[in-house]
Amino acid sequence: MLILLCVLENLGIEPEVERIGKYKSVGDQLTRKTMSEDHHEMFTALLDNIYTNWLDKVSSARGAMQVYLKTYSNLESIN
C-alpha cells in the first residue's frame, strides 16, 4: 500500500489514523512506509501458520515425513 501513501502525499493529504490495539494495524498502510514491529510479528505468525498447515496437508497426502518436506522446501536453487 506504499503506492496509496505516495498518492496521498502527492495530493497533500495527511491521513489521521487512530490505533485501537497492538495488532490493529490496517491504518499503518496509510501512515508508514515500512512495517511496524507489531505488524511484522503478526505477518510472520500468519505465514508460519500457513506453512505449518501446508506441511501437514502435503505430508498427509504424500505419506512423507515433515522433516523431509522442510529440508526440500528450504533448499536454495543452484544455478
PDB file of N, CA and C in Angstrom:
ATOM      1  N   MET A   1       0.820  -1.200   0.000  1.00  0.00           N
ATOM      2  CA  MET A   1       0.000   0.000   0.000  1.00  0.00           C
ATOM      3  C   MET A   1       0.857   1.254   0.000  1.00  0.00           C
ATOM      4  N   LEU A   2       2.154   1.078  -0.210  1.00  0.00           N
ATOM      5  CA  LEU A   2       3.046   2.220  -0.296  1.00  0.00           C
ATOM      6  C   LEU A   2       2.601   3.168  -1.394  1.00  0.00           C
ATOM      7  N   ILE A   3       2.027   2.608  -2.454  1.00  0.00           N
ATOM      8  CA  ILE A   3       1.555   3.432  -3.574  1.00  0.00           C
ATOM      9  C   ILE A   3       0.480   4.393  -3.092  1.00  0.00           C
ATOM     10  N   LEU A   4      -0.449   3.895  -2.281  1.00  0.00           N
ATOM     11  CA  LEU A   4      -1.523   4.741  -1.769  1.00  0.00           C
ATOM     12  C   LEU A   4      -0.962   5.861  -0.904  1.00  0.00           C
ATOM     13  N   LEU A   5       0.007   5.540  -0.063  1.00  0.00           N
ATOM     14  CA  LEU A   5       0.629   6.563   0.786  1.00  0.00           C
ATOM     15  C   LEU A   5       1.296   7.628  -0.072  1.00  0.00           C
ATOM     16  N   CYS A   6       1.988   7.232  -1.139  1.00  0.00           N
ATOM     17  CA  CYS A   6       2.648   8.189  -2.031  1.00  0.00           C
ATOM     18  C   CYS A   6       1.627   9.072  -2.754  1.00  0.00           C
ATOM     19  N   VAL A   7       0.520   8.475  -3.186  1.00  0.00           N
ATOM     20  CA  VAL A   7      -0.530   9.253  -3.849  1.00  0.00           C
ATOM     21  C   VAL A   7      -1.083  10.297  -2.888  1.00  0.00           C
ATOM     22  N   LEU A   8      -1.372   9.878  -1.662  1.00  0.00           N
ATOM     23  CA  LEU A   8      -1.901  10.824  -0.677  1.00  0.00           C
ATOM     24  C   LEU A   8      -0.906  11.946  -0.403  1.00  0.00           C
ATOM     25  N   GLU A   9       0.385  11.603  -0.299  1.00  0.00           N
ATOM     26  CA  GLU A   9       1.414  12.622  -0.080  1.00  0.00           C
ATOM     27  C   GLU A   9       1.460  13.605  -1.248  1.00  0.00           C
ATOM     28  N   ASN A  10       1.388  13.082  -2.480  1.00  0.00           N
ATOM     29  CA  ASN A  10       1.418  13.954  -3.662  1.00  0.00           C
ATOM     30  C   ASN A  10       0.218  14.889  -3.717  1.00  0.00           C
ATOM     31  N   LEU A  11      -0.905  14.446  -3.176  1.00  0.00           N
ATOM     32  CA  LEU A  11      -2.108  15.278  -3.154  1.00  0.00           C
ATOM     33  C   LEU A  11      -2.140  16.221  -1.953  1.00  0.00           C
ATOM     34  N   GLY A  12      -1.148  16.069  -1.077  1.00  0.00           N
ATOM     35  CA  GLY A  12      -1.089  16.923   0.104  1.00  0.00           C
ATOM     36  C   GLY A  12      -2.057  16.482   1.195  1.00  0.00           C
ATOM     37  N   ILE A  13      -2.469  15.235   1.155  1.00  0.00           N
ATOM     38  CA  ILE A  13      -3.404  14.700   2.140  1.00  0.00           C
ATOM     39  C   ILE A  13      -2.624  13.955   3.209  1.00  0.00           C
ATOM     40  N   GLU A  14      -2.867  14.319   4.456  1.00  0.00           N
ATOM     41  CA  GLU A  14      -2.214  13.637   5.567  1.00  0.00           C
ATOM     42  C   GLU A  14      -3.270  12.843   6.328  1.00  0.00           C
ATOM     43  N   PRO A  15      -3.224  11.512   6.227  1.00  0.00           N
ATOM     44  CA  PRO A  15      -4.248  10.698   6.890  1.00  0.00           C
ATOM     45  C   PRO A  15      -4.116  10.756   8.412  1.00  0.00           C
ATOM     46  N   GLU A  16      -5.254  10.709   9.076  1.00  0.00           N
ATOM     47  CA  GLU A  16      -5.275  10.646  10.533  1.00  0.00           C
ATOM     48  C   GLU A  16      -5.752   9.253  10.915  1.00  0.00           C
ATOM     49  N   VAL A  17      -4.918   8.521  11.625  1.00  0.00           N
ATOM     50  CA  VAL A  17      -5.228   7.151  11.985  1.00  0.00           C
ATOM     51  C   VAL A  17      -5.134   7.000  13.490  1.00  0.00           C
ATOM     52  N   GLU A  18      -6.115   6.323  14.054  1.00  0.00           N
ATOM     53  CA  GLU A  18      -6.110   6.046  15.495  1.00  0.00           C
ATOM     54  C   GLU A  18      -5.997   4.542  15.690  1.00  0.00           C
ATOM     55  N   ARG A  19      -5.004   4.145  16.458  1.00  0.00           N
ATOM     56  CA  ARG A  19      -4.811   2.718  16.735  1.00  0.00           C
ATOM     57  C   ARG A  19      -5.663   2.322  17.926  1.00  0.00           C
ATOM     58  N   ILE A  20      -6.286   1.165  17.809  1.00  0.00           N
ATOM     59  CA  ILE A  20      -7.140   0.673  18.876  1.00  0.00           C
ATOM     60  C   ILE A  20      -6.424  -0.393  19.695  1.00  0.00           C
ATOM     61  N   GLY A  21      -5.619  -1.207  19.040  1.00  0.00           N
ATOM     62  CA  GLY A  21      -4.919  -2.286  19.723  1.00  0.00           C
ATOM     63  C   GLY A  21      -3.576  -2.555  19.085  1.00  0.00           C
ATOM     64  N   LYS A  22      -2.800  -3.413  19.724  1.00  0.00           N
ATOM     65  CA  LYS A  22      -1.443  -3.709  19.269  1.00  0.00           C
ATOM     66  C   LYS A  22      -1.416  -4.239  17.842  1.00  0.00           C
ATOM     67  N   TYR A  23      -2.362  -5.114  17.493  1.00  0.00           N
ATOM     68  CA  TYR A  23      -2.351  -5.734  16.178  1.00  0.00           C
ATOM     69  C   TYR A  23      -3.415  -5.170  15.239  1.00  0.00           C
ATOM     70  N   LYS A  24      -3.964  -4.056  15.561  1.00  0.00           N
ATOM     71  CA  LYS A  24      -4.952  -3.397  14.706  1.00  0.00           C
ATOM     72  C   LYS A  24      -4.197  -2.412  13.814  1.00  0.00           C
ATOM     73  N   SER A  25      -3.492  -2.947  12.826  1.00  0.00           N
ATOM     74  CA  SER A  25      -2.527  -2.142  12.091  1.00  0.00           C
ATOM     75  C   SER A  25      -2.950  -1.784  10.668  1.00  0.00           C
ATOM     76  N   VAL A  26      -4.222  -1.908  10.355  1.00  0.00           N
ATOM     77  CA  VAL A  26      -4.652  -1.590   8.993  1.00  0.00           C
ATOM     78  C   VAL A  26      -4.352  -0.134   8.656  1.00  0.00           C
ATOM     79  N   GLY A  27      -4.382   0.747   9.620  1.00  0.00           N
ATOM     80  CA  GLY A  27      -4.074   2.161   9.390  1.00  0.00           C
ATOM     81  C   GLY A  27      -2.620   2.414   9.072  1.00  0.00           C
ATOM     82  N   ASP A  28      -1.750   1.473   9.427  1.00  0.00           N
ATOM     83  CA  ASP A  28      -0.328   1.627   9.119  1.00  0.00           C
ATOM     84  C   ASP A  28      -0.096   1.769   7.621  1.00  0.00           C
ATOM     85  N   GLN A  29      -0.976   1.192   6.811  1.00  0.00           N
ATOM     86  CA  GLN A  29      -0.837   1.289   5.360  1.00  0.00           C
ATOM     87  C   GLN A  29      -0.925   2.735   4.887  1.00  0.00           C
ATOM     88  N   LEU A  30      -1.574   3.565   5.673  1.00  0.00           N
ATOM     89  CA  LEU A  30      -1.746   4.961   5.287  1.00  0.00           C
ATOM     90  C   LEU A  30      -0.721   5.886   5.924  1.00  0.00           C
ATOM     91  N   THR A  31       0.018   5.407   6.916  1.00  0.00           N
ATOM     92  CA  THR A  31       0.905   6.303   7.652  1.00  0.00           C
ATOM     93  C   THR A  31       2.366   5.888   7.651  1.00  0.00           C
ATOM     94  N   ARG A  32       2.681   4.665   7.261  1.00  0.00           N
ATOM     95  CA  ARG A  32       4.059   4.174   7.327  1.00  0.00           C
ATOM     96  C   ARG A  32       4.556   3.724   5.957  1.00  0.00           C
ATOM     97  N   LYS A  33       5.856   3.840   5.770  1.00  0.00           N
ATOM     98  CA  LYS A  33       6.474   3.326   4.547  1.00  0.00           C
ATOM     99  C   LYS A  33       7.121   1.970   4.789  1.00  0.00           C
ATOM    100  N   THR A  34       7.232   1.571   6.037  1.00  0.00           N
ATOM    101  CA  THR A  34       7.771   0.268   6.400  1.00  0.00           C
ATOM    102  C   THR A  34       6.826  -0.393   7.390  1.00  0.00           C
ATOM    103  N   MET A  35       7.008  -1.702   7.591  1.00  0.00           N
ATOM    104  CA  MET A  35       6.179  -2.440   8.544  1.00  0.00           C
ATOM    105  C   MET A  35       6.572  -2.096   9.970  1.00  0.00           C
ATOM    106  N   SER A  36       5.583  -1.954  10.838  1.00  0.00           N
ATOM    107  CA  SER A  36       5.871  -1.795  12.261  1.00  0.00           C
ATOM    108  C   SER A  36       6.298  -3.148  12.822  1.00  0.00           C
ATOM    109  N   GLU A  37       6.941  -3.147  13.984  1.00  0.00           N
ATOM    110  CA  GLU A  37       7.343  -4.408  14.607  1.00  0.00           C
ATOM    111  C   GLU A  37       6.125  -5.284  14.899  1.00  0.00           C
ATOM    112  N   ASP A  38       5.031  -4.670  15.351  1.00  0.00           N
ATOM    113  CA  ASP A  38       3.807  -5.420  15.640  1.00  0.00           C
ATOM    114  C   ASP A  38       3.241  -6.053  14.374  1.00  0.00           C
ATOM    115  N   HIS A  39       3.230  -5.295  13.282  1.00  0.00           N
ATOM    116  CA  HIS A  39       2.711  -5.805  12.013  1.00  0.00           C
ATOM    117  C   HIS A  39       3.616  -6.937  11.508  1.00  0.00           C
ATOM    118  N   HIS A  40       4.917  -6.768  11.644  1.00  0.00           N
ATOM    119  CA  HIS A  40       5.870  -7.805  11.223  1.00  0.00           C
ATOM    120  C   HIS A  40       5.652  -9.079  12.029  1.00  0.00           C
ATOM    121  N   GLU A  41       5.451  -8.936  13.336  1.00  0.00           N
ATOM    122  CA  GLU A  41       5.204 -10.095  14.209  1.00  0.00           C
ATOM    123  C   GLU A  41       3.930 -10.828  13.789  1.00  0.00           C
ATOM    124  N   MET A  42       2.873 -10.061  13.526  1.00  0.00           N
ATOM    125  CA  MET A  42       1.592 -10.639  13.127  1.00  0.00           C
ATOM    126  C   MET A  42       1.708 -11.340  11.769  1.00  0.00           C
ATOM    127  N   PHE A  43       2.379 -10.701  10.818  1.00  0.00           N
ATOM    128  CA  PHE A  43       2.530 -11.250   9.481  1.00  0.00           C
ATOM    129  C   PHE A  43       3.385 -12.519   9.496  1.00  0.00           C
ATOM    130  N   THR A  44       4.436 -12.516  10.302  1.00  0.00           N
ATOM    131  CA  THR A  44       5.294 -13.693  10.438  1.00  0.00           C
ATOM    132  C   THR A  44       4.519 -14.862  11.030  1.00  0.00           C
ATOM    133  N   ALA A  45       3.707 -14.603  12.048  1.00  0.00           N
ATOM    134  CA  ALA A  45       2.888 -15.656  12.657  1.00  0.00           C
ATOM    135  C   ALA A  45       1.896 -16.219  11.643  1.00  0.00           C
ATOM    136  N   LEU A  46       1.308 -15.354  10.830  1.00  0.00           N
ATOM    137  CA  LEU A  46       0.375 -15.799   9.797  1.00  0.00           C
ATOM    138  C   LEU A  46       1.073 -16.699   8.778  1.00  0.00           C
ATOM    139  N   LEU A  47       2.238 -16.267   8.307  1.00  0.00           N
ATOM    140  CA  LEU A  47       2.978 -17.073   7.334  1.00  0.00           C
ATOM    141  C   LEU A  47       3.437 -18.399   7.935  1.00  0.00           C
ATOM    142  N   ASP A  48       3.865 -18.391   9.194  1.00  0.00           N
ATOM    143  CA  ASP A  48       4.250 -19.630   9.871  1.00  0.00           C
ATOM    144  C   ASP A  48       3.072 -20.597   9.950  1.00  0.00           C
ATOM    145  N   ASN A  49       1.889 -20.054  10.227  1.00  0.00           N
ATOM    146  CA  ASN A  49       0.687 -20.875  10.298  1.00  0.00           C
ATOM    147  C   ASN A  49       0.352 -21.482   8.942  1.00  0.00           C
ATOM    148  N   ILE A  50       0.444 -20.691   7.890  1.00  0.00           N
ATOM    149  CA  ILE A  50       0.176 -21.182   6.538  1.00  0.00           C
ATOM    150  C   ILE A  50       1.176 -22.274   6.167  1.00  0.00           C
ATOM    151  N   TYR A  51       2.447 -22.051   6.479  1.00  0.00           N
ATOM    152  CA  TYR A  51       3.495 -23.026   6.160  1.00  0.00           C
ATOM    153  C   TYR A  51       3.272 -24.334   6.915  1.00  0.00           C
ATOM    154  N   THR A  52       2.937 -24.242   8.198  1.00  0.00           N
ATOM    155  CA  THR A  52       2.680 -25.435   9.006  1.00  0.00           C
ATOM    156  C   THR A  52       1.482 -26.200   8.462  1.00  0.00           C
ATOM    157  N   ASN A  53       0.433 -25.486   8.092  1.00  0.00           N
ATOM    158  CA  ASN A  53      -0.754 -26.115   7.511  1.00  0.00           C
ATOM    159  C   ASN A  53      -0.397 -26.809   6.197  1.00  0.00           C
ATOM    160  N   TRP A  54       0.406 -26.165   5.371  1.00  0.00           N
ATOM    161  CA  TRP A  54       0.844 -26.749   4.111  1.00  0.00           C
ATOM    162  C   TRP A  54       1.638 -28.035   4.365  1.00  0.00           C
ATOM    163  N   LEU A  55       2.567 -27.981   5.329  1.00  0.00           N
ATOM    164  CA  LEU A  55       3.349 -29.172   5.665  1.00  0.00           C
ATOM    165  C   LEU A  55       2.446 -30.322   6.107  1.00  0.00           C
ATOM    166  N   ASP A  56       1.463 -30.015   6.946  1.00  0.00           N
ATOM    167  CA  ASP A  56       0.527 -31.044   7.418  1.00  0.00           C
ATOM    168  C   ASP A  56      -0.229 -31.680   6.252  1.00  0.00           C
ATOM    169  N   LYS A  57      -0.774 -30.842   5.379  1.00  0.00           N
ATOM    170  CA  LYS A  57      -1.586 -31.348   4.262  1.00  0.00           C
ATOM    171  C   LYS A  57      -0.760 -32.165   3.279  1.00  0.00           C
ATOM    172  N   VAL A  58       0.409 -31.651   2.909  1.00  0.00           N
ATOM    173  CA  VAL A  58       1.237 -32.342   1.920  1.00  0.00           C
ATOM    174  C   VAL A  58       1.793 -33.637   2.507  1.00  0.00           C
ATOM    175  N   SER A  59       2.245 -33.599   3.760  1.00  0.00           N
ATOM    176  CA  SER A  59       2.798 -34.827   4.355  1.00  0.00           C
ATOM    177  C   SER A  59       1.723 -35.904   4.494  1.00  0.00           C
ATOM    178  N   SER A  60       0.497 -35.490   4.799  1.00  0.00           N
ATOM    179  CA  SER A  60      -0.606 -36.462   4.883  1.00  0.00           C
ATOM    180  C   SER A  60      -0.948 -37.033   3.509  1.00  0.00           C
ATOM    181  N   ALA A  61      -1.019 -36.162   2.516  1.00  0.00           N
ATOM    182  CA  ALA A  61      -1.405 -36.593   1.174  1.00  0.00           C
ATOM    183  C   ALA A  61      -0.335 -37.450   0.502  1.00  0.00           C
ATOM    184  N   ARG A  62       0.913 -37.142   0.776  1.00  0.00           N
ATOM    185  CA  ARG A  62       2.014 -37.851   0.105  1.00  0.00           C
ATOM    186  C   ARG A  62       2.631 -38.946   0.961  1.00  0.00           C
ATOM    187  N   GLY A  63       2.217 -39.026   2.213  1.00  0.00           N
ATOM    188  CA  GLY A  63       2.802 -40.003   3.110  1.00  0.00           C
ATOM    189  C   GLY A  63       4.272 -39.724   3.394  1.00  0.00           C
ATOM    190  N   ALA A  64       4.638 -38.471   3.355  1.00  0.00           N
ATOM    191  CA  ALA A  64       6.034 -38.075   3.584  1.00  0.00           C
ATOM    192  C   ALA A  64       6.184 -37.494   4.987  1.00  0.00           C
ATOM    193  N   MET A  65       7.364 -37.660   5.532  1.00  0.00           N
ATOM    194  CA  MET A  65       7.630 -37.077   6.842  1.00  0.00           C
ATOM    195  C   MET A  65       7.891 -35.584   6.680  1.00  0.00           C
ATOM    196  N   GLN A  66       7.411 -34.790   7.646  1.00  0.00           N
ATOM    197  CA  GLN A  66       7.555 -33.345   7.556  1.00  0.00           C
ATOM    198  C   GLN A  66       9.005 -32.897   7.514  1.00  0.00           C
ATOM    199  N   VAL A  67       9.895 -33.633   8.182  1.00  0.00           N
ATOM    200  CA  VAL A  67      11.296 -33.224   8.193  1.00  0.00           C
ATOM    201  C   VAL A  67      11.876 -33.238   6.773  1.00  0.00           C
ATOM    202  N   TYR A  68      11.463 -34.194   5.946  1.00  0.00           N
ATOM    203  CA  TYR A  68      11.935 -34.239   4.560  1.00  0.00           C
ATOM    204  C   TYR A  68      11.349 -33.087   3.747  1.00  0.00           C
ATOM    205  N   LEU A  69      10.086 -32.785   3.974  1.00  0.00           N
ATOM    206  CA  LEU A  69       9.462 -31.659   3.263  1.00  0.00           C
ATOM    207  C   LEU A  69      10.113 -30.340   3.643  1.00  0.00           C
ATOM    208  N   LYS A  70      10.407 -30.175   4.933  1.00  0.00           N
ATOM    209  CA  LYS A  70      11.062 -28.942   5.382  1.00  0.00           C
ATOM    210  C   LYS A  70      12.434 -28.802   4.734  1.00  0.00           C
ATOM    211  N   THR A  71      13.174 -29.895   4.696  1.00  0.00           N
ATOM    212  CA  THR A  71      14.503 -29.858   4.089  1.00  0.00           C
ATOM    213  C   THR A  71      14.400 -29.506   2.610  1.00  0.00           C
ATOM    214  N   TYR A  72      13.475 -30.163   1.914  1.00  0.00           N
ATOM    215  CA  TYR A  72      13.306 -29.919   0.480  1.00  0.00           C
ATOM    216  C   TYR A  72      12.829 -28.494   0.210  1.00  0.00           C
ATOM    217  N   SER A  73      11.889 -27.989   0.985  1.00  0.00           N
ATOM    218  CA  SER A  73      11.331 -26.660   0.739  1.00  0.00           C
ATOM    219  C   SER A  73      12.294 -25.540   1.100  1.00  0.00           C
ATOM    220  N   ASN A  74      13.301 -25.846   1.908  1.00  0.00           N
ATOM    221  CA  ASN A  74      14.271 -24.815   2.307  1.00  0.00           C
ATOM    222  C   ASN A  74      15.548 -24.835   1.484  1.00  0.00           C
ATOM    223  N   LEU A  75      15.634 -25.740   0.499  1.00  0.00           N
ATOM    224  CA  LEU A  75      16.816 -25.784  -0.358  1.00  0.00           C
ATOM    225  C   LEU A  75      16.868 -24.548  -1.251  1.00  0.00           C
ATOM    226  N   GLU A  76      18.054 -24.009  -1.426  1.00  0.00           N
ATOM    227  CA  GLU A  76      18.225 -22.884  -2.330  1.00  0.00           C
ATOM    228  C   GLU A  76      18.446 -23.419  -3.738  1.00  0.00           C
ATOM    229  N   SER A  77      17.984 -22.669  -4.712  1.00  0.00           N
ATOM    230  CA  SER A  77      18.180 -23.112  -6.089  1.00  0.00           C
ATOM    231  C   SER A  77      19.661 -22.990  -6.441  1.00  0.00           C
ATOM    232  N   ILE A  78      20.126 -23.940  -7.233  1.00  0.00           N
ATOM    233  CA  ILE A  78      21.531 -23.959  -7.636  1.00  0.00           C
ATOM    234  C   ILE A  78      21.601 -23.554  -9.099  1.00  0.00           C
ATOM    235  N   ASN A  79      22.331 -22.489  -9.357  1.00  0.00           N
ATOM    236  CA  ASN A  79      22.493 -22.009 -10.753  1.00  0.00           C
ATOM    237  C   ASN A  79      23.946 -22.020 -11.140  1.00  0.00           C
TER     238      ASN A  79
END
